[in-house]
Amino acid sequence: MQNLILLHRTTNMAEATIVKGLLEENNVPVFLMNKQDSSYLNFGDIELYVPSHLHEVAKQLLQQGLSN
């Protein structure tokens, strides 16, 4: 398994899905880990991890995407 690094953390599933889609469109594999409580969705985070060798590329893509 590749070494994964946390790229982004949110409590909003829609935001996580958009970020995941942005990265996957640019050929950056993403692992989404949903740590939210299944009964109370306001507890816990959704974390997006990327391979360590693509972390800088993913970070730049995320910054560009958020600035648009």
Protein backbone atom coordinates (compact mmCIF):
# COMPACT_ATOMS: atom_id res chain seq x y z
CA MET A 1 0.00 0.00 0.00
CA GLN A 2 1.19 3.50 -0.81
CA ASN A 3 2.01 5.97 1.94
CA LEU A 4 -0.97 8.27 2.29
CA ILE A 5 -0.97 11.83 3.64
CA LEU A 6 -3.94 13.79 4.92
CA LEU A 7 -4.73 16.55 2.42
CA HIS A 8 -8.06 17.95 3.57
CA ARG A 9 -10.49 17.62 6.46
CA THR A 10 -14.12 18.78 6.49
CA THR A 11 -17.45 18.07 8.14
CA ASN A 12 -19.37 18.61 4.89
CA MET A 13 -19.85 15.54 2.66
CA ALA A 14 -20.68 17.70 -0.38
CA GLU A 15 -17.38 19.58 -0.01
CA ALA A 16 -15.46 16.31 0.38
CA THR A 17 -17.09 14.90 -2.76
CA ILE A 18 -16.26 18.03 -4.78
CA VAL A 19 -12.62 17.99 -3.65
CA LYS A 20 -12.39 14.27 -4.41
CA GLY A 21 -13.82 14.83 -7.90
CA LEU A 22 -11.42 17.71 -8.59
CA LEU A 23 -8.42 15.59 -7.68
CA GLU A 24 -9.59 12.49 -9.55
CA GLU A 25 -10.20 14.60 -12.70
CA ASN A 26 -6.50 15.47 -12.51
CA ASN A 27 -5.40 11.84 -12.05
CA VAL A 28 -4.68 12.11 -8.33
CA PRO A 29 -6.03 9.06 -6.49
CA VAL A 30 -7.96 9.95 -3.33
CA PHE A 31 -8.91 7.89 -0.31
CA LEU A 32 -11.92 9.31 1.54
CA MET A 33 -12.33 8.32 5.18
CA ASN A 34 -15.66 9.23 6.75
CA LYS A 35 -15.25 9.46 10.53
CA GLN A 36 -18.64 11.04 11.13
CA ASP A 37 -20.99 9.51 13.66
CA SER A 38 -23.73 7.69 11.76
CA SER A 39 -26.46 9.00 14.08
CA TYR A 40 -25.25 12.56 14.59
CA LEU A 41 -23.55 13.86 11.44
CA ASN A 42 -22.27 16.99 13.16
CA PHE A 43 -19.78 14.87 15.15
CA GLY A 44 -16.63 13.79 13.37
CA ASP A 45 -14.77 14.66 10.20
CA ILE A 46 -14.41 13.46 6.65
CA GLU A 47 -10.75 13.16 5.70
CA LEU A 48 -9.22 12.98 2.24
CA TYR A 49 -5.87 11.27 1.83
CA VAL A 50 -3.56 11.24 -1.19
CA PRO A 51 -0.36 9.32 -1.98
CA SER A 52 2.66 11.02 -0.42
CA HIS A 53 4.42 11.47 -3.76
CA LEU A 54 1.41 13.44 -5.11
CA HIS A 55 0.74 15.52 -2.00
CA GLU A 56 2.24 18.77 -3.35
CA VAL A 57 0.41 18.42 -6.67
CA ALA A 58 -2.86 17.74 -4.85
CA LYS A 59 -2.33 20.71 -2.53
CA GLN A 60 -1.78 23.03 -5.52
CA LEU A 61 -4.87 21.70 -7.28
CA LEU A 62 -6.94 22.20 -4.14
CA GLN A 63 -5.70 25.78 -3.71
CA GLN A 64 -6.48 26.57 -7.36
CA GLY A 65 -9.91 25.00 -7.05
CA LEU A 66 -10.77 26.95 -3.90
CA SER A 67 -9.64 30.24 -5.43
CA ASN A 68 -12.05 29.88 -8.39
